[in-house]
Amino acid sequence: MFKLEKFQGKKEENYELVIKQLEALLAGESNQVANLANAAALLNQFFEEVNWVGFYLNDGNELVLGPFQGLPACVRIPFGKGVCGTAAEKRETVRVEDVHLFPGHIACDAASESEIVVPIIKDGQLLGVLDIDSPRKNRFDEVDQLYLEKFVQALVRFL
């Protein structure tokens, strides 16, 4: 596996490569849990300065913990609560430069300083969210958001 900073190309090219790796990794596998677990592991290897990568899955009116890489996490998050619940409720990506300034932030890991959450939508239905936390403020930018949204679009084809 690889880390983002070890690439010689542009950040965008690195993301394109990890999306291609995702597609190759998941090709031929239809099990949702296996595919989410491998997607989380791939992203965890891809990023530097990230302390949690994983998924929360739609369970009615709340999110329930899915496959992840990192410390043990909150198991259930109501829609509209915290960064994950807000992204799920709004069905749009939420990028937070400083989690301590986000109203209602749910602190599952005290080391987290910034976060990005991308909703996973297939055929108009919310399947869950991709959640990535970092111990560094301002870790995620517009390029990260754009390509993580593309990563999720690629992932949805295997769910």
C-alpha atoms as a PDB file:
ATOM      1  CA  MET A   1       0.000   0.000   0.000  1.00  0.00           C
ATOM      2  CA  PHE A   2       0.978   3.619  -0.123  1.00  0.00           C
ATOM      3  CA  LYS A   3       0.677   6.960   1.585  1.00  0.00           C
ATOM      4  CA  LEU A   4      -0.439  10.158  -0.154  1.00  0.00           C
ATOM      5  CA  GLU A   5       2.768  12.061   0.609  1.00  0.00           C
ATOM      6  CA  LYS A   6       4.913   9.352  -1.010  1.00  0.00           C
ATOM      7  CA  PHE A   7       3.428  10.043  -4.440  1.00  0.00           C
ATOM      8  CA  GLN A   8       5.371  12.127  -6.898  1.00  0.00           C
ATOM      9  CA  GLY A   9       2.309  13.343  -8.808  1.00  0.00           C
ATOM     10  CA  LYS A  10      -0.263  15.982  -8.045  1.00  0.00           C
ATOM     11  CA  LYS A  11      -2.781  15.408  -5.284  1.00  0.00           C
ATOM     12  CA  GLU A  12      -5.511  14.967  -7.899  1.00  0.00           C
ATOM     13  CA  GLU A  13      -3.510  12.274  -9.716  1.00  0.00           C
ATOM     14  CA  ASN A  14      -2.948  10.468  -6.425  1.00  0.00           C
ATOM     15  CA  TYR A  15      -6.681  10.404  -5.771  1.00  0.00           C
ATOM     16  CA  GLU A  16      -7.345   9.101  -9.297  1.00  0.00           C
ATOM     17  CA  LEU A  17      -4.917   6.268  -8.576  1.00  0.00           C
ATOM     18  CA  VAL A  18      -6.557   5.342  -5.261  1.00  0.00           C
ATOM     19  CA  ILE A  19      -9.981   5.302  -6.948  1.00  0.00           C
ATOM     20  CA  LYS A  20      -8.607   2.910  -9.588  1.00  0.00           C
ATOM     21  CA  GLN A  21      -7.161   0.767  -6.803  1.00  0.00           C
ATOM     22  CA  LEU A  22     -10.556   0.741  -5.078  1.00  0.00           C
ATOM     23  CA  GLU A  23     -12.262  -0.456  -8.256  1.00  0.00           C
ATOM     24  CA  ALA A  24      -9.675  -3.207  -8.766  1.00  0.00           C
ATOM     25  CA  LEU A  25      -9.869  -4.252  -5.119  1.00  0.00           C
ATOM     26  CA  LEU A  26     -13.658  -4.555  -5.113  1.00  0.00           C
ATOM     27  CA  ALA A  27     -14.138  -6.008  -8.610  1.00  0.00           C
ATOM     28  CA  GLY A  28     -16.045  -9.276  -8.434  1.00  0.00           C
ATOM     29  CA  GLU A  29     -17.040  -8.928  -4.766  1.00  0.00           C
ATOM     30  CA  SER A  30     -20.673  -8.230  -3.898  1.00  0.00           C
ATOM     31  CA  ASN A  31     -20.578  -8.409  -0.097  1.00  0.00           C
ATOM     32  CA  GLN A  32     -21.240  -4.944   1.310  1.00  0.00           C
ATOM     33  CA  VAL A  33     -19.372  -5.473   4.581  1.00  0.00           C
ATOM     34  CA  ALA A  34     -16.278  -6.824   2.828  1.00  0.00           C
ATOM     35  CA  ASN A  35     -16.273  -3.953   0.331  1.00  0.00           C
ATOM     36  CA  LEU A  36     -16.716  -1.280   3.000  1.00  0.00           C
ATOM     37  CA  ALA A  37     -13.991  -2.877   5.134  1.00  0.00           C
ATOM     38  CA  ASN A  38     -11.535  -2.876   2.229  1.00  0.00           C
ATOM     39  CA  ALA A  39     -12.484   0.678   1.251  1.00  0.00           C
ATOM     40  CA  ALA A  40     -11.796   1.869   4.813  1.00  0.00           C
ATOM     41  CA  ALA A  41      -8.463   0.044   4.896  1.00  0.00           C
ATOM     42  CA  LEU A  42      -7.451   1.470   1.516  1.00  0.00           C
ATOM     43  CA  LEU A  43      -8.210   5.042   2.588  1.00  0.00           C
ATOM     44  CA  ASN A  44      -6.463   4.524   5.916  1.00  0.00           C
ATOM     45  CA  GLN A  45      -3.294   3.541   4.045  1.00  0.00           C
ATOM     46  CA  PHE A  46      -3.727   6.375   1.533  1.00  0.00           C
ATOM     47  CA  PHE A  47      -3.851   9.269   3.995  1.00  0.00           C
ATOM     48  CA  GLU A  48      -1.307  10.794   6.319  1.00  0.00           C
ATOM     49  CA  GLU A  49      -2.480  12.659   9.430  1.00  0.00           C
ATOM     50  CA  VAL A  50      -5.721  10.721   9.752  1.00  0.00           C
ATOM     51  CA  ASN A  51      -6.754   8.963  12.967  1.00  0.00           C
ATOM     52  CA  TRP A  52     -10.091   7.412  11.915  1.00  0.00           C
ATOM     53  CA  VAL A  53     -11.552   6.258   8.601  1.00  0.00           C
ATOM     54  CA  GLY A  54     -14.810   4.406   8.340  1.00  0.00           C
ATOM     55  CA  PHE A  55     -18.466   4.139   7.619  1.00  0.00           C
ATOM     56  CA  TYR A  56     -21.714   4.707   9.430  1.00  0.00           C
ATOM     57  CA  LEU A  57     -24.712   2.971   7.856  1.00  0.00           C
ATOM     58  CA  ASN A  58     -28.330   4.086   7.646  1.00  0.00           C
ATOM     59  CA  ASP A  59     -30.475   2.274  10.218  1.00  0.00           C
ATOM     60  CA  GLY A  60     -33.818   4.044   9.911  1.00  0.00           C
ATOM     61  CA  ASN A  61     -33.575   7.409  11.649  1.00  0.00           C
ATOM     62  CA  GLU A  62     -29.996   7.018  12.810  1.00  0.00           C
ATOM     63  CA  LEU A  63     -26.568   5.879  11.675  1.00  0.00           C
ATOM     64  CA  VAL A  64     -24.969   2.725  13.048  1.00  0.00           C
ATOM     65  CA  LEU A  65     -21.249   2.010  13.070  1.00  0.00           C
ATOM     66  CA  GLY A  66     -19.956   0.045  10.082  1.00  0.00           C
ATOM     67  CA  PRO A  67     -16.480  -1.103   9.008  1.00  0.00           C
ATOM     68  CA  PHE A  68     -13.704   1.265  10.082  1.00  0.00           C
ATOM     69  CA  GLN A  69     -10.007   1.711  10.842  1.00  0.00           C
ATOM     70  CA  GLY A  70      -9.082   3.463  14.093  1.00  0.00           C
ATOM     71  CA  LEU A  71      -9.963   3.537  17.761  1.00  0.00           C
ATOM     72  CA  PRO A  72     -13.319   2.176  18.968  1.00  0.00           C
ATOM     73  CA  ALA A  73     -16.073   4.588  17.991  1.00  0.00           C
ATOM     74  CA  CYS A  74     -19.558   5.766  18.826  1.00  0.00           C
ATOM     75  CA  VAL A  75     -22.020   3.063  17.774  1.00  0.00           C
ATOM     76  CA  ARG A  76     -25.188   5.061  16.999  1.00  0.00           C
ATOM     77  CA  ILE A  77     -25.582   8.637  15.776  1.00  0.00           C
ATOM     78  CA  PRO A  78     -29.041  10.183  15.280  1.00  0.00           C
ATOM     79  CA  PHE A  79     -29.668  12.046  12.019  1.00  0.00           C
ATOM     80  CA  GLY A  80     -28.972  15.741  12.523  1.00  0.00           C
ATOM     81  CA  LYS A  81     -26.494  15.190  15.387  1.00  0.00           C
ATOM     82  CA  GLY A  82     -22.774  15.763  15.041  1.00  0.00           C
ATOM     83  CA  VAL A  83     -20.940  15.958  11.723  1.00  0.00           C
ATOM     84  CA  CYS A  84     -22.031  12.492  10.554  1.00  0.00           C
ATOM     85  CA  GLY A  85     -25.684  12.964  11.450  1.00  0.00           C
ATOM     86  CA  THR A  86     -25.711  16.394   9.806  1.00  0.00           C
ATOM     87  CA  ALA A  87     -24.213  15.053   6.558  1.00  0.00           C
ATOM     88  CA  ALA A  88     -26.755  12.211   6.587  1.00  0.00           C
ATOM     89  CA  GLU A  89     -29.707  14.506   7.214  1.00  0.00           C
ATOM     90  CA  LYS A  90     -28.661  17.087   4.610  1.00  0.00           C
ATOM     91  CA  ARG A  91     -27.377  14.442   2.172  1.00  0.00           C
ATOM     92  CA  GLU A  92     -24.358  16.585   1.428  1.00  0.00           C
ATOM     93  CA  THR A  93     -20.679  16.545   2.314  1.00  0.00           C
ATOM     94  CA  VAL A  94     -19.742  18.332   5.516  1.00  0.00           C
ATOM     95  CA  ARG A  95     -16.129  19.462   5.876  1.00  0.00           C
ATOM     96  CA  VAL A  96     -15.129  20.804   9.287  1.00  0.00           C
ATOM     97  CA  GLU A  97     -11.825  22.645   9.737  1.00  0.00           C
ATOM     98  CA  ASP A  98     -12.066  22.629  13.555  1.00  0.00           C
ATOM     99  CA  VAL A  99     -14.442  20.123  15.138  1.00  0.00           C
ATOM    100  CA  HIS A 100     -14.428  22.052  18.418  1.00  0.00           C
ATOM    101  CA  LEU A 101     -16.257  24.889  16.653  1.00  0.00           C
ATOM    102  CA  PHE A 102     -18.918  22.617  15.122  1.00  0.00           C
ATOM    103  CA  PRO A 103     -22.185  22.878  17.084  1.00  0.00           C
ATOM    104  CA  GLY A 104     -23.107  19.504  18.589  1.00  0.00           C
ATOM    105  CA  HIS A 105     -19.896  17.761  17.558  1.00  0.00           C
ATOM    106  CA  ILE A 106     -19.779  14.201  18.910  1.00  0.00           C
ATOM    107  CA  ALA A 107     -16.282  13.539  20.240  1.00  0.00           C
ATOM    108  CA  CYS A 108     -15.681   9.820  19.780  1.00  0.00           C
ATOM    109  CA  ASP A 109     -11.899  10.380  19.722  1.00  0.00           C
ATOM    110  CA  ALA A 110     -10.538  13.314  21.719  1.00  0.00           C
ATOM    111  CA  ALA A 111      -7.554  13.545  19.350  1.00  0.00           C
ATOM    112  CA  SER A 112      -9.730  14.533  16.372  1.00  0.00           C
ATOM    113  CA  GLU A 113      -9.364  18.146  15.289  1.00  0.00           C
ATOM    114  CA  SER A 114     -10.905  18.167  11.793  1.00  0.00           C
ATOM    115  CA  GLU A 115     -13.334  15.944   9.923  1.00  0.00           C
ATOM    116  CA  ILE A 116     -14.943  15.302   6.566  1.00  0.00           C
ATOM    117  CA  VAL A 117     -18.122  13.288   6.067  1.00  0.00           C
ATOM    118  CA  VAL A 118     -19.435  12.248   2.647  1.00  0.00           C
ATOM    119  CA  PRO A 119     -22.947  10.817   2.276  1.00  0.00           C
ATOM    120  CA  ILE A 120     -23.320   7.523   0.400  1.00  0.00           C
ATOM    121  CA  ILE A 121     -26.407   7.664  -1.806  1.00  0.00           C
ATOM    122  CA  LYS A 122     -27.512   4.943  -4.229  1.00  0.00           C
ATOM    123  CA  ASP A 123     -30.647   5.173  -6.356  1.00  0.00           C
ATOM    124  CA  GLY A 124     -31.824   8.117  -4.252  1.00  0.00           C
ATOM    125  CA  GLN A 125     -31.491   6.187  -0.981  1.00  0.00           C
ATOM    126  CA  LEU A 126     -29.063   7.129   1.790  1.00  0.00           C
ATOM    127  CA  LEU A 127     -26.932   4.047   2.523  1.00  0.00           C
ATOM    128  CA  GLY A 128     -24.709   5.776   5.072  1.00  0.00           C
ATOM    129  CA  VAL A 129     -21.705   8.081   5.285  1.00  0.00           C
ATOM    130  CA  LEU A 130     -17.939   7.933   4.879  1.00  0.00           C
ATOM    131  CA  ASP A 131     -16.327   9.581   7.911  1.00  0.00           C
ATOM    132  CA  ILE A 132     -12.659  10.618   8.109  1.00  0.00           C
ATOM    133  CA  ASP A 133     -11.108  12.322  11.134  1.00  0.00           C
ATOM    134  CA  SER A 134      -7.724  13.972  11.516  1.00  0.00           C
ATOM    135  CA  PRO A 135      -5.704  15.041  14.554  1.00  0.00           C
ATOM    136  CA  ARG A 136      -4.739  18.205  12.597  1.00  0.00           C
ATOM    137  CA  LYS A 137      -6.972  21.244  12.129  1.00  0.00           C
ATOM    138  CA  ASN A 138      -7.756  22.204   8.521  1.00  0.00           C
ATOM    139  CA  ARG A 139      -6.640  18.767   7.269  1.00  0.00           C
ATOM    140  CA  PHE A 140      -9.217  18.512   4.470  1.00  0.00           C
ATOM    141  CA  ASP A 141      -9.567  20.962   1.582  1.00  0.00           C
ATOM    142  CA  GLU A 142     -11.720  21.355  -1.527  1.00  0.00           C
ATOM    143  CA  VAL A 143      -9.613  18.844  -3.470  1.00  0.00           C
ATOM    144  CA  ASP A 144     -10.070  16.241  -0.727  1.00  0.00           C
ATOM    145  CA  GLN A 145     -13.801  16.875  -0.769  1.00  0.00           C
ATOM    146  CA  LEU A 146     -14.112  16.593  -4.554  1.00  0.00           C
ATOM    147  CA  TYR A 147     -12.121  13.365  -4.759  1.00  0.00           C
ATOM    148  CA  LEU A 148     -13.658  11.734  -1.702  1.00  0.00           C
ATOM    149  CA  GLU A 149     -17.035  12.368  -3.314  1.00  0.00           C
ATOM    150  CA  LYS A 150     -15.685  10.665  -6.463  1.00  0.00           C
ATOM    151  CA  PHE A 151     -14.342   7.818  -4.300  1.00  0.00           C
ATOM    152  CA  VAL A 152     -17.813   7.319  -2.816  1.00  0.00           C
ATOM    153  CA  GLN A 153     -19.390   7.391  -6.298  1.00  0.00           C
ATOM    154  CA  ALA A 154     -17.005   4.619  -7.342  1.00  0.00           C
ATOM    155  CA  LEU A 155     -17.695   2.671  -4.140  1.00  0.00           C
ATOM    156  CA  VAL A 156     -21.487   2.837  -4.586  1.00  0.00           C
ATOM    157  CA  ARG A 157     -21.215   0.673  -7.708  1.00  0.00           C
ATOM    158  CA  PHE A 158     -20.046  -2.188  -5.463  1.00  0.00           C
ATOM    159  CA  LEU A 159     -22.691  -1.829  -2.755  1.00  0.00           C
END
